[in-house]
Protein backbone atom coordinates (compact mmCIF):
# COMPACT_ATOMS: atom_id res chain seq x y z
CA UNK A 1 -42.98 -22.42 19.25
CA UNK A 2 -41.16 -23.35 22.74
CA UNK A 3 -42.49 -22.16 25.57
CA UNK A 4 -40.52 -21.09 28.90
CA UNK A 5 -41.65 -22.88 31.80
CA UNK A 6 -40.75 -21.81 35.69
CA UNK A 7 -38.73 -23.12 38.02
CA UNK A 8 -40.65 -24.99 40.25
CA UNK A 9 -42.71 -26.58 36.78
CA UNK A 10 -39.06 -27.65 36.11
CA UNK A 11 -38.78 -28.92 39.63
CA UNK A 12 -41.81 -30.98 39.61
CA UNK A 13 -40.56 -32.83 36.25
CA UNK A 14 -37.66 -33.46 37.01
CA UNK A 15 -38.71 -34.93 40.25
CA UNK A 16 -40.72 -37.64 37.90
CA UNK A 17 -39.28 -37.76 34.65
CA UNK A 18 -35.88 -39.15 34.49
CA UNK A 19 -33.97 -37.33 33.28
CA UNK A 20 -36.28 -34.33 33.81
CA UNK A 21 -35.80 -31.47 31.48
CA UNK A 22 -31.47 -32.55 31.64
CA UNK A 23 -30.19 -33.41 28.66
CA UNK A 24 -27.96 -35.94 28.37
CA UNK A 25 -25.02 -37.08 25.50
CA UNK A 26 -25.91 -39.70 23.23
CA UNK A 27 -22.55 -41.17 23.48
CA UNK A 28 -21.45 -40.89 27.03
CA UNK A 29 -24.90 -40.64 28.80
CA UNK A 30 -23.76 -37.28 31.20
CA UNK A 31 -25.53 -34.24 31.23
CA UNK A 32 -24.62 -31.63 27.94
CA UNK A 33 -25.23 -28.90 30.70
CA UNK A 34 -26.94 -27.20 27.60
CA UNK A 35 -30.45 -27.43 26.63
CA UNK A 36 -32.08 -27.87 23.26
CA UNK A 37 -31.39 -24.23 21.81
CA UNK A 38 -27.42 -24.28 22.18
CA UNK A 39 -26.89 -28.16 22.38
CA UNK A 40 -23.69 -29.35 20.15
CA UNK A 41 -23.92 -31.71 17.78
CA UNK A 42 -21.27 -33.28 15.13
CA UNK A 43 -22.65 -34.61 12.08
CA UNK A 44 -23.13 -38.65 12.02
CA UNK A 45 -24.28 -38.51 16.01
CA UNK A 46 -27.59 -38.02 15.44
CA UNK A 47 -27.82 -36.82 18.80
CA UNK A 48 -26.84 -33.81 21.73
CA UNK A 49 -23.05 -34.07 22.93
CA UNK A 50 -21.37 -33.46 25.81
CA UNK A 51 -18.33 -31.28 25.32
CA UNK A 52 -15.51 -34.05 25.79
CA UNK A 53 -17.50 -35.74 23.43
CA UNK A 54 -17.90 -33.08 20.79
CA UNK A 55 -14.54 -32.43 20.95
CA UNK A 56 -13.21 -35.62 20.82
CA UNK A 57 -15.86 -36.14 17.51
CA UNK A 58 -15.94 -33.13 15.80
CA UNK A 59 -13.18 -32.24 13.22
CA UNK A 60 -10.62 -29.41 14.05
CA UNK A 61 -11.00 -26.29 12.24
CA UNK A 62 -8.97 -25.11 9.53
CA UNK A 63 -7.13 -22.00 8.93
CA UNK A 64 -6.43 -19.23 11.12
CA UNK A 65 -8.79 -18.12 14.09
């Protein structure tokens, strides 16, 4: 079970740990702007992806919306 931390805790942690609590894209090292609970992944890539890399590496959906 994960524990929610205060914003103060995040600030202190980020100041001494790179990339801190920011999640970085496995392919391009840019921030994903997401957290572990809502990260984007595709099969064959072992880490989280930013939106651009996710779009480039995911299969298009098939069928009507």
